[in-house]
PDB file of N, CA and C in Angstrom:
ATOM      1  N   MET A   1      27.245  31.264  -9.435  1.00  0.00           N
ATOM      2  CA  MET A   1      27.080  29.915  -9.940  1.00  0.00           C
ATOM      3  C   MET A   1      27.230  28.901  -8.809  1.00  0.00           C
ATOM      4  N   ASP A   2      28.184  29.160  -7.904  1.00  0.00           N
ATOM      5  CA  ASP A   2      28.386  28.244  -6.774  1.00  0.00           C
ATOM      6  C   ASP A   2      27.136  28.150  -5.902  1.00  0.00           C
ATOM      7  N   ALA A   3      26.484  29.284  -5.709  1.00  0.00           N
ATOM      8  CA  ALA A   3      25.269  29.289  -4.886  1.00  0.00           C
ATOM      9  C   ALA A   3      24.159  28.487  -5.558  1.00  0.00           C
ATOM     10  N   LEU A   4      24.074  28.580  -6.884  1.00  0.00           N
ATOM     11  CA  LEU A   4      23.066  27.829  -7.623  1.00  0.00           C
ATOM     12  C   LEU A   4      23.306  26.327  -7.507  1.00  0.00           C
ATOM     13  N   VAL A   5      24.563  25.918  -7.661  1.00  0.00           N
ATOM     14  CA  VAL A   5      24.916  24.496  -7.539  1.00  0.00           C
ATOM     15  C   VAL A   5      24.665  24.013  -6.113  1.00  0.00           C
ATOM     16  N   ALA A   6      25.038  24.826  -5.140  1.00  0.00           N
ATOM     17  CA  ALA A   6      24.829  24.452  -3.739  1.00  0.00           C
ATOM     18  C   ALA A   6      23.337  24.300  -3.441  1.00  0.00           C
ATOM     19  N   GLY A   7      22.524  25.203  -3.963  1.00  0.00           N
ATOM     20  CA  GLY A   7      21.076  25.123  -3.749  1.00  0.00           C
ATOM     21  C   GLY A   7      20.484  23.880  -4.378  1.00  0.00           C
ATOM     22  N   ALA A   8      20.912  23.567  -5.605  1.00  0.00           N
ATOM     23  CA  ALA A   8      20.420  22.377  -6.286  1.00  0.00           C
ATOM     24  C   ALA A   8      20.854  21.114  -5.546  1.00  0.00           C
ATOM     25  N   THR A   9      22.074  21.106  -5.069  1.00  0.00           N
ATOM     26  CA  THR A   9      22.586  19.954  -4.313  1.00  0.00           C
ATOM     27  C   THR A   9      21.787  19.764  -3.030  1.00  0.00           C
ATOM     28  N   GLN A  10      21.498  20.862  -2.368  1.00  0.00           N
ATOM     29  CA  GLN A  10      20.725  20.801  -1.118  1.00  0.00           C
ATOM     30  C   GLN A  10      19.322  20.245  -1.377  1.00  0.00           C
ATOM     31  N   LYS A  11      18.698  20.679  -2.470  1.00  0.00           N
ATOM     32  CA  LYS A  11      17.356  20.186  -2.794  1.00  0.00           C
ATOM     33  C   LYS A  11      17.389  18.707  -3.166  1.00  0.00           C
ATOM     34  N   LEU A  12      18.398  18.288  -3.885  1.00  0.00           N
ATOM     35  CA  LEU A  12      18.541  16.882  -4.237  1.00  0.00           C
ATOM     36  C   LEU A  12      18.724  16.030  -2.980  1.00  0.00           C
ATOM     37  N   GLU A  13      19.549  16.515  -2.063  1.00  0.00           N
ATOM     38  CA  GLU A  13      19.756  15.784  -0.813  1.00  0.00           C
ATOM     39  C   GLU A  13      18.467  15.700  -0.005  1.00  0.00           C
ATOM     40  N   ALA A  14      17.683  16.775  -0.026  1.00  0.00           N
ATOM     41  CA  ALA A  14      16.404  16.776   0.687  1.00  0.00           C
ATOM     42  C   ALA A  14      15.447  15.761   0.067  1.00  0.00           C
ATOM     43  N   LEU A  15      15.429  15.681  -1.256  1.00  0.00           N
ATOM     44  CA  LEU A  15      14.582  14.700  -1.937  1.00  0.00           C
ATOM     45  C   LEU A  15      15.012  13.275  -1.609  1.00  0.00           C
ATOM     46  N   GLU A  16      16.308  13.035  -1.626  1.00  0.00           N
ATOM     47  CA  GLU A  16      16.815  11.696  -1.302  1.00  0.00           C
ATOM     48  C   GLU A  16      16.483  11.321   0.136  1.00  0.00           C
ATOM     49  N   ALA A  17      16.617  12.283   1.042  1.00  0.00           N
ATOM     50  CA  ALA A  17      16.288  12.029   2.446  1.00  0.00           C
ATOM     51  C   ALA A  17      14.796  11.724   2.603  1.00  0.00           C
ATOM     52  N   ALA A  18      13.960  12.443   1.857  1.00  0.00           N
ATOM     53  CA  ALA A  18      12.514  12.197   1.933  1.00  0.00           C
ATOM     54  C   ALA A  18      12.172  10.806   1.395  1.00  0.00           C
ATOM     55  N   LEU A  19      12.777  10.426   0.277  1.00  0.00           N
ATOM     56  CA  LEU A  19      12.524   9.089  -0.272  1.00  0.00           C
ATOM     57  C   LEU A  19      12.938   8.013   0.717  1.00  0.00           C
ATOM     58  N   TYR A  20      14.088   8.198   1.330  1.00  0.00           N
ATOM     59  CA  TYR A  20      14.555   7.239   2.338  1.00  0.00           C
ATOM     60  C   TYR A  20      13.583   7.217   3.520  1.00  0.00           C
ATOM     61  N   GLY A  21      13.187   8.396   3.973  1.00  0.00           N
ATOM     62  CA  GLY A  21      12.264   8.491   5.104  1.00  0.00           C
ATOM     63  C   GLY A  21      10.931   7.822   4.821  1.00  0.00           C
ATOM     64  N   LEU A  22      10.424   7.988   3.599  1.00  0.00           N
ATOM     65  CA  LEU A  22       9.155   7.362   3.242  1.00  0.00           C
ATOM     66  C   LEU A  22       9.264   5.846   3.225  1.00  0.00           C
ATOM     67  N   LYS A  23      10.416   5.339   2.826  1.00  0.00           N
ATOM     68  CA  LYS A  23      10.610   3.889   2.831  1.00  0.00           C
ATOM     69  C   LYS A  23      10.662   3.328   4.249  1.00  0.00           C
ATOM     70  N   GLN A  24      11.040   4.167   5.216  1.00  0.00           N
ATOM     71  CA  GLN A  24      11.167   3.733   6.598  1.00  0.00           C
ATOM     72  C   GLN A  24       9.853   3.814   7.380  1.00  0.00           C
ATOM     73  N   VAL A  25       8.871   4.483   6.826  1.00  0.00           N
ATOM     74  CA  VAL A  25       7.595   4.665   7.535  1.00  0.00           C
ATOM     75  C   VAL A  25       6.929   3.316   7.781  1.00  0.00           C
ATOM     76  N   ARG A  26       6.545   3.104   9.016  1.00  0.00           N
ATOM     77  CA  ARG A  26       5.781   1.924   9.415  1.00  0.00           C
ATOM     78  C   ARG A  26       4.804   2.363  10.503  1.00  0.00           C
ATOM     79  N   GLY A  27       3.549   2.150  10.238  1.00  0.00           N
ATOM     80  CA  GLY A  27       2.542   2.428  11.248  1.00  0.00           C
ATOM     81  C   GLY A  27       2.223   1.128  11.961  1.00  0.00           C
ATOM     82  N   ARG A  28       2.204   1.184  13.262  1.00  0.00           N
ATOM     83  CA  ARG A  28       1.968  -0.035  14.041  1.00  0.00           C
ATOM     84  C   ARG A  28       0.952   0.273  15.128  1.00  0.00           C
ATOM     85  N   PHE A  29       0.035  -0.657  15.315  1.00  0.00           N
ATOM     86  CA  PHE A  29      -0.965  -0.493  16.369  1.00  0.00           C
ATOM     87  C   PHE A  29      -1.242  -1.841  17.005  1.00  0.00           C
ATOM     88  N   THR A  30      -1.256  -1.840  18.341  1.00  0.00           N
ATOM     89  CA  THR A  30      -1.604  -3.036  19.104  1.00  0.00           C
ATOM     90  C   THR A  30      -2.853  -2.717  19.910  1.00  0.00           C
ATOM     91  N   SER A  31      -3.828  -3.594  19.833  1.00  0.00           N
ATOM     92  CA  SER A  31      -5.073  -3.389  20.571  1.00  0.00           C
ATOM     93  C   SER A  31      -4.791  -3.367  22.072  1.00  0.00           C
ATOM     94  N   GLU A  32      -5.679  -2.725  22.802  1.00  0.00           N
ATOM     95  CA  GLU A  32      -5.499  -2.607  24.257  1.00  0.00           C
ATOM     96  C   GLU A  32      -5.375  -3.965  24.931  1.00  0.00           C
ATOM     97  N   ASP A  33      -6.122  -4.940  24.432  1.00  0.00           N
ATOM     98  CA  ASP A  33      -6.065  -6.278  25.026  1.00  0.00           C
ATOM     99  C   ASP A  33      -4.890  -7.101  24.492  1.00  0.00           C
ATOM    100  N   GLU A  34      -4.113  -6.492  23.617  1.00  0.00           N
ATOM    101  CA  GLU A  34      -2.908  -7.096  23.016  1.00  0.00           C
ATOM    102  C   GLU A  34      -3.200  -8.363  22.213  1.00  0.00           C
ATOM    103  N   LEU A  35      -4.442  -8.486  21.744  1.00  0.00           N
ATOM    104  CA  LEU A  35      -4.797  -9.639  20.911  1.00  0.00           C
ATOM    105  C   LEU A  35      -4.371  -9.439  19.456  1.00  0.00           C
ATOM    106  N   ILE A  36      -4.326  -8.175  19.026  1.00  0.00           N
ATOM    107  CA  ILE A  36      -4.086  -7.876  17.621  1.00  0.00           C
ATOM    108  C   ILE A  36      -3.005  -6.812  17.486  1.00  0.00           C
ATOM    109  N   THR A  37      -2.068  -7.066  16.589  1.00  0.00           N
ATOM    110  CA  THR A  37      -1.077  -6.062  16.217  1.00  0.00           C
ATOM    111  C   THR A  37      -1.064  -5.983  14.699  1.00  0.00           C
ATOM    112  N   ALA A  38      -1.251  -4.772  14.199  1.00  0.00           N
ATOM    113  CA  ALA A  38      -1.232  -4.544  12.753  1.00  0.00           C
ATOM    114  C   ALA A  38      -0.098  -3.579  12.432  1.00  0.00           C
ATOM    115  N   GLU A  39       0.550  -3.820  11.294  1.00  0.00           N
ATOM    116  CA  GLU A  39       1.618  -2.933  10.830  1.00  0.00           C
ATOM    117  C   GLU A  39       1.402  -2.654   9.351  1.00  0.00           C
ATOM    118  N   VAL A  40       1.471  -1.380   8.981  1.00  0.00           N
ATOM    119  CA  VAL A  40       1.308  -0.984   7.586  1.00  0.00           C
ATOM    120  C   VAL A  40       2.518  -0.171   7.138  1.00  0.00           C
ATOM    121  N   ASN A  41       2.736  -0.141   5.819  1.00  0.00           N
ATOM    122  CA  ASN A  41       3.848   0.638   5.281  1.00  0.00           C
ATOM    123  C   ASN A  41       3.387   2.063   4.979  1.00  0.00           C
ATOM    124  N   SER A  42       4.258   2.832   4.327  1.00  0.00           N
ATOM    125  CA  SER A  42       3.962   4.237   4.068  1.00  0.00           C
ATOM    126  C   SER A  42       2.786   4.431   3.127  1.00  0.00           C
ATOM    127  N   GLU A  43       2.449   3.415   2.363  1.00  0.00           N
ATOM    128  CA  GLU A  43       1.326   3.507   1.439  1.00  0.00           C
ATOM    129  C   GLU A  43       0.029   3.003   2.065  1.00  0.00           C
ATOM    130  N   GLY A  44       0.100   2.559   3.316  1.00  0.00           N
ATOM    131  CA  GLY A  44      -1.076   2.058   4.006  1.00  0.00           C
ATOM    132  C   GLY A  44      -1.356   0.591   3.755  1.00  0.00           C
ATOM    133  N   ALA A  45      -0.426  -0.085   3.093  1.00  0.00           N
ATOM    134  CA  ALA A  45      -0.608  -1.509   2.832  1.00  0.00           C
ATOM    135  C   ALA A  45      -0.238  -2.323   4.065  1.00  0.00           C
ATOM    136  N   LEU A  46      -1.053  -3.285   4.392  1.00  0.00           N
ATOM    137  CA  LEU A  46      -0.797  -4.144   5.539  1.00  0.00           C
ATOM    138  C   LEU A  46       0.426  -5.018   5.253  1.00  0.00           C
ATOM    139  N   VAL A  47       1.429  -4.929   6.115  1.00  0.00           N
ATOM    140  CA  VAL A  47       2.647  -5.730   5.925  1.00  0.00           C
ATOM    141  C   VAL A  47       2.814  -6.779   7.014  1.00  0.00           C
ATOM    142  N   ALA A  48       2.062  -6.636   8.117  1.00  0.00           N
ATOM    143  CA  ALA A  48       2.125  -7.631   9.184  1.00  0.00           C
ATOM    144  C   ALA A  48       0.837  -7.573  10.009  1.00  0.00           C
ATOM    145  N   LEU A  49       0.363  -8.743  10.357  1.00  0.00           N
ATOM    146  CA  LEU A  49      -0.808  -8.855  11.224  1.00  0.00           C
ATOM    147  C   LEU A  49      -0.548 -10.015  12.166  1.00  0.00           C
ATOM    148  N   THR A  50      -0.533  -9.712  13.454  1.00  0.00           N
ATOM    149  CA  THR A  50      -0.271 -10.724  14.459  1.00  0.00           C
ATOM    150  C   THR A  50      -1.491 -10.857  15.356  1.00  0.00           C
ATOM    151  N   LEU A  51      -1.943 -12.094  15.524  1.00  0.00           N
ATOM    152  CA  LEU A  51      -3.064 -12.376  16.411  1.00  0.00           C
ATOM    153  C   LEU A  51      -2.569 -13.259  17.537  1.00  0.00           C
ATOM    154  N   ALA A  52      -2.896 -12.867  18.759  1.00  0.00           N
ATOM    155  CA  ALA A  52      -2.549 -13.687  19.915  1.00  0.00           C
ATOM    156  C   ALA A  52      -3.403 -14.941  19.894  1.00  0.00           C
ATOM    157  N   GLU A  53      -2.923 -15.987  20.504  1.00  0.00           N
ATOM    158  CA  GLU A  53      -3.666 -17.247  20.533  1.00  0.00           C
ATOM    159  C   GLU A  53      -5.047 -17.062  21.143  1.00  0.00           C
ATOM    160  N   ALA A  54      -5.162 -16.172  22.113  1.00  0.00           N
ATOM    161  CA  ALA A  54      -6.448 -15.926  22.771  1.00  0.00           C
ATOM    162  C   ALA A  54      -7.490 -15.345  21.813  1.00  0.00           C
ATOM    163  N   ALA A  55      -7.055 -14.856  20.664  1.00  0.00           N
ATOM    164  CA  ALA A  55      -7.997 -14.303  19.682  1.00  0.00           C
ATOM    165  C   ALA A  55      -8.956 -15.368  19.157  1.00  0.00           C
ATOM    166  N   THR A  56      -8.569 -16.628  19.281  1.00  0.00           N
ATOM    167  CA  THR A  56      -9.444 -17.707  18.799  1.00  0.00           C
ATOM    168  C   THR A  56     -10.718 -17.837  19.620  1.00  0.00           C
ATOM    169  N   SER A  57     -10.713 -17.255  20.816  1.00  0.00           N
ATOM    170  CA  SER A  57     -11.905 -17.334  21.663  1.00  0.00           C
ATOM    171  C   SER A  57     -12.856 -16.154  21.450  1.00  0.00           C
ATOM    172  N   VAL A  58     -12.463 -15.210  20.602  1.00  0.00           N
ATOM    173  CA  VAL A  58     -13.304 -14.039  20.322  1.00  0.00           C
ATOM    174  C   VAL A  58     -14.251 -14.389  19.170  1.00  0.00           C
ATOM    175  N   PRO A  59     -15.515 -14.001  19.280  1.00  0.00           N
ATOM    176  CA  PRO A  59     -16.454 -14.265  18.185  1.00  0.00           C
ATOM    177  C   PRO A  59     -15.933 -13.667  16.867  1.00  0.00           C
ATOM    178  N   PRO A  60     -16.112 -14.386  15.759  1.00  0.00           N
ATOM    179  CA  PRO A  60     -15.543 -13.949  14.479  1.00  0.00           C
ATOM    180  C   PRO A  60     -15.894 -12.521  14.064  1.00  0.00           C
ATOM    181  N   ALA A  61     -17.147 -12.123  14.221  1.00  0.00           N
ATOM    182  CA  ALA A  61     -17.545 -10.764  13.819  1.00  0.00           C
ATOM    183  C   ALA A  61     -16.825  -9.711  14.667  1.00  0.00           C
ATOM    184  N   GLU A  62     -16.712  -9.992  15.957  1.00  0.00           N
ATOM    185  CA  GLU A  62     -16.025  -9.073  16.863  1.00  0.00           C
ATOM    186  C   GLU A  62     -14.537  -9.013  16.542  1.00  0.00           C
ATOM    187  N   LEU A  63     -13.942 -10.160  16.247  1.00  0.00           N
ATOM    188  CA  LEU A  63     -12.527 -10.214  15.891  1.00  0.00           C
ATOM    189  C   LEU A  63     -12.274  -9.469  14.580  1.00  0.00           C
ATOM    190  N   ALA A  64     -13.150  -9.664  13.616  1.00  0.00           N
ATOM    191  CA  ALA A  64     -13.003  -8.974  12.331  1.00  0.00           C
ATOM    192  C   ALA A  64     -13.051  -7.462  12.514  1.00  0.00           C
ATOM    193  N   GLU A  65     -13.971  -7.001  13.326  1.00  0.00           N
ATOM    194  CA  GLU A  65     -14.085  -5.564  13.584  1.00  0.00           C
ATOM    195  C   GLU A  65     -12.824  -5.037  14.280  1.00  0.00           C
ATOM    196  N   ALA A  66     -12.310  -5.802  15.227  1.00  0.00           N
ATOM    197  CA  ALA A  66     -11.095  -5.398  15.938  1.00  0.00           C
ATOM    198  C   ALA A  66      -9.886  -5.366  14.999  1.00  0.00           C
ATOM    199  N   ILE A  67      -9.826  -6.308  14.070  1.00  0.00           N
ATOM    200  CA  ILE A  67      -8.724  -6.325  13.097  1.00  0.00           C
ATOM    201  C   ILE A  67      -8.794  -5.091  12.209  1.00  0.00           C
ATOM    202  N   VAL A  68      -9.985  -4.780  11.727  1.00  0.00           N
ATOM    203  CA  VAL A  68     -10.142  -3.595  10.875  1.00  0.00           C
ATOM    204  C   VAL A  68      -9.768  -2.330  11.642  1.00  0.00           C
ATOM    205  N   THR A  69     -10.186  -2.249  12.887  1.00  0.00           N
ATOM    206  CA  THR A  69      -9.849  -1.089  13.719  1.00  0.00           C
ATOM    207  C   THR A  69      -8.340  -0.974  13.908  1.00  0.00           C
ATOM    208  N   ALA A  70      -7.673  -2.087  14.182  1.00  0.00           N
ATOM    209  CA  ALA A  70      -6.218  -2.073  14.365  1.00  0.00           C
ATOM    210  C   ALA A  70      -5.518  -1.643  13.083  1.00  0.00           C
ATOM    211  N   CYS A  71      -5.988  -2.136  11.957  1.00  0.00           N
ATOM    212  CA  CYS A  71      -5.395  -1.754  10.667  1.00  0.00           C
ATOM    213  C   CYS A  71      -5.591  -0.263  10.395  1.00  0.00           C
ATOM    214  N   ARG A  72      -6.782   0.230  10.694  1.00  0.00           N
ATOM    215  CA  ARG A  72      -7.062   1.655  10.488  1.00  0.00           C
ATOM    216  C   ARG A  72      -6.155   2.527  11.369  1.00  0.00           C
ATOM    217  N   GLN A  73      -5.994   2.132  12.629  1.00  0.00           N
ATOM    218  CA  GLN A  73      -5.137   2.896  13.537  1.00  0.00           C
ATOM    219  C   GLN A  73      -3.679   2.870  13.066  1.00  0.00           C
ATOM    220  N   ALA A  74      -3.233   1.718  12.600  1.00  0.00           N
ATOM    221  CA  ALA A  74      -1.860   1.614  12.092  1.00  0.00           C
ATOM    222  C   ALA A  74      -1.691   2.488  10.858  1.00  0.00           C
ATOM    223  N   ALA A  75      -2.691   2.509   9.987  1.00  0.00           N
ATOM    224  CA  ALA A  75      -2.633   3.340   8.783  1.00  0.00           C
ATOM    225  C   ALA A  75      -2.609   4.826   9.141  1.00  0.00           C
ATOM    226  N   GLU A  76      -3.364   5.207  10.155  1.00  0.00           N
ATOM    227  CA  GLU A  76      -3.354   6.598  10.609  1.00  0.00           C
ATOM    228  C   GLU A  76      -1.972   6.980  11.135  1.00  0.00           C
ATOM    229  N   SER A  77      -1.364   6.083  11.875  1.00  0.00           N
ATOM    230  CA  SER A  77      -0.015   6.333  12.383  1.00  0.00           C
ATOM    231  C   SER A  77       0.974   6.488  11.233  1.00  0.00           C
ATOM    232  N   ALA A  78       0.887   5.620  10.252  1.00  0.00           N
ATOM    233  CA  ALA A  78       1.773   5.713   9.083  1.00  0.00           C
ATOM    234  C   ALA A  78       1.526   7.018   8.332  1.00  0.00           C
ATOM    235  N   GLY A  79       0.273   7.400   8.217  1.00  0.00           N
ATOM    236  CA  GLY A  79      -0.065   8.651   7.542  1.00  0.00           C
ATOM    237  C   GLY A  79       0.527   9.862   8.237  1.00  0.00           C
ATOM    238  N   GLN A  80       0.510   9.849   9.562  1.00  0.00           N
ATOM    239  CA  GLN A  80       1.104  10.952  10.322  1.00  0.00           C
ATOM    240  C   GLN A  80       2.616  11.005  10.106  1.00  0.00           C
ATOM    241  N   GLN A  81       3.238   9.838  10.102  1.00  0.00           N
ATOM    242  CA  GLN A  81       4.682   9.794   9.867  1.00  0.00           C
ATOM    243  C   GLN A  81       5.007  10.280   8.458  1.00  0.00           C
ATOM    244  N   ARG A  82       4.220   9.845   7.503  1.00  0.00           N
ATOM    245  CA  ARG A  82       4.429  10.253   6.111  1.00  0.00           C
ATOM    246  C   ARG A  82       4.267  11.767   5.981  1.00  0.00           C
ATOM    247  N   SER A  83       3.256  12.319   6.625  1.00  0.00           N
ATOM    248  CA  SER A  83       3.030  13.764   6.589  1.00  0.00           C
ATOM    249  C   SER A  83       4.220  14.520   7.165  1.00  0.00           C
ATOM    250  N   SER A  84       4.802  13.973   8.213  1.00  0.00           N
ATOM    251  CA  SER A  84       5.972  14.599   8.823  1.00  0.00           C
ATOM    252  C   SER A  84       7.159  14.620   7.857  1.00  0.00           C
ATOM    253  N   VAL A  85       7.366  13.509   7.151  1.00  0.00           N
ATOM    254  CA  VAL A  85       8.458  13.437   6.170  1.00  0.00           C
ATOM    255  C   VAL A  85       8.230  14.461   5.063  1.00  0.00           C
ATOM    256  N   ILE A  86       7.002  14.546   4.574  1.00  0.00           N
ATOM    257  CA  ILE A  86       6.678  15.479   3.494  1.00  0.00           C
ATOM    258  C   ILE A  86       6.797  16.925   3.973  1.00  0.00           C
ATOM    259  N   ALA A  87       6.376  17.197   5.204  1.00  0.00           N
ATOM    260  CA  ALA A  87       6.496  18.558   5.748  1.00  0.00           C
ATOM    261  C   ALA A  87       7.962  18.982   5.824  1.00  0.00           C
ATOM    262  N   THR A  88       8.816  18.063   6.243  1.00  0.00           N
ATOM    263  CA  THR A  88      10.247  18.359   6.298  1.00  0.00           C
ATOM    264  C   THR A  88      10.784  18.651   4.904  1.00  0.00           C
ATOM    265  N   LEU A  89      10.347  17.860   3.928  1.00  0.00           N
ATOM    266  CA  LEU A  89      10.761  18.093   2.542  1.00  0.00           C
ATOM    267  C   LEU A  89      10.281  19.463   2.072  1.00  0.00           C
ATOM    268  N   ASN A  90       9.025  19.777   2.327  1.00  0.00           N
ATOM    269  CA  ASN A  90       8.483  21.079   1.911  1.00  0.00           C
ATOM    270  C   ASN A  90       9.254  22.239   2.524  1.00  0.00           C
ATOM    271  N   GLU A  91       9.631  22.103   3.777  1.00  0.00           N
ATOM    272  CA  GLU A  91      10.397  23.160   4.449  1.00  0.00           C
ATOM    273  C   GLU A  91      11.736  23.395   3.758  1.00  0.00           C
ATOM    274  N   SER A  92      12.324  22.343   3.208  1.00  0.00           N
ATOM    275  CA  SER A  92      13.620  22.493   2.550  1.00  0.00           C
ATOM    276  C   SER A  92      13.498  23.242   1.226  1.00  0.00           C
ATOM    277  N   PHE A  93      12.287  23.369   0.685  1.00  0.00           N
ATOM    278  CA  PHE A  93      12.091  24.077  -0.575  1.00  0.00           C
ATOM    279  C   PHE A  93      11.604  25.505  -0.380  1.00  0.00           C
ATOM    280  N   VAL A  94      11.386  25.913   0.861  1.00  0.00           N
ATOM    281  CA  VAL A  94      10.976  27.278   1.147  1.00  0.00           C
ATOM    282  C   VAL A  94      12.215  28.162   1.080  1.00  0.00           C
ATOM    283  N   PRO A  95      12.187  29.207   0.260  1.00  0.00           N
ATOM    284  CA  PRO A  95      13.365  30.066   0.154  1.00  0.00           C
ATOM    285  C   PRO A  95      13.664  30.768   1.469  1.00  0.00           C
ATOM    286  N   GLY A  96      14.931  30.828   1.782  1.00  0.00           N
ATOM    287  CA  GLY A  96      15.366  31.534   2.995  1.00  0.00           C
ATOM    288  C   GLY A  96      15.391  33.028   2.774  1.00  0.00           C
ATOM    289  N   PRO A  97      15.626  33.799   3.838  1.00  0.00           N
ATOM    290  CA  PRO A  97      15.604  35.274   3.724  1.00  0.00           C
ATOM    291  C   PRO A  97      16.726  35.789   2.822  1.00  0.00           C
ATOM    292  N   ASP A  98      17.820  35.048   2.692  1.00  0.00           N
ATOM    293  CA  ASP A  98      18.933  35.503   1.859  1.00  0.00           C
ATOM    294  C   ASP A  98      18.701  35.247   0.379  1.00  0.00           C
ATOM    295  N   SER A  99      17.735  34.387   0.035  1.00  0.00           N
ATOM    296  CA  SER A  99      17.546  34.023  -1.371  1.00  0.00           C
ATOM    297  C   SER A  99      16.982  35.173  -2.194  1.00  0.00           C
ATOM    298  N   ALA A 100      16.365  36.156  -1.560  1.00  0.00           N
ATOM    299  CA  ALA A 100      15.805  37.292  -2.285  1.00  0.00           C
ATOM    300  C   ALA A 100      16.927  38.134  -2.899  1.00  0.00           C
ATOM    301  N   ARG A 101      18.103  38.087  -2.290  1.00  0.00           N
ATOM    302  CA  ARG A 101      19.234  38.874  -2.793  1.00  0.00           C
ATOM    303  C   ARG A 101      19.959  38.173  -3.922  1.00  0.00           C
ATOM    304  N   ASP A 102      19.783  36.854  -4.048  1.00  0.00           N
ATOM    305  CA  ASP A 102      20.539  36.093  -5.061  1.00  0.00           C
ATOM    306  C   ASP A 102      20.072  36.370  -6.462  1.00  0.00           C
TER     307      ASP A 102
END
C-alpha cells in the first residue's frame, strides 16, 4: 500500500511540476537587426511585441513580414520548451524496472 501511495504522490508531483513549467514557458525572438522582439506564452499567444524606433523607417509591408516572422520564431521556441516540459512529464509516467514486481 505504501508503494501505491508513493507512486500516486510522485505522479501528482510530476503533474504539478508540469503545470508550473507550462506556465513559465515564454518563447522570445529578436530579429537580427534588433528592430523587432516578439514574446509568446506556452499557448503561442503574443504577450509582448517591441519595435525599435528605427522600425519606423522600414516600409510597412516589409515591417509586417518581419513582425510575423519574429512571432513565428518566438512561437517555435515556446513550442520546443513546451515539448520539453511534456516529455519530462511523460518520462515520469513510464514504469521503472522494479514496477513489474509490484
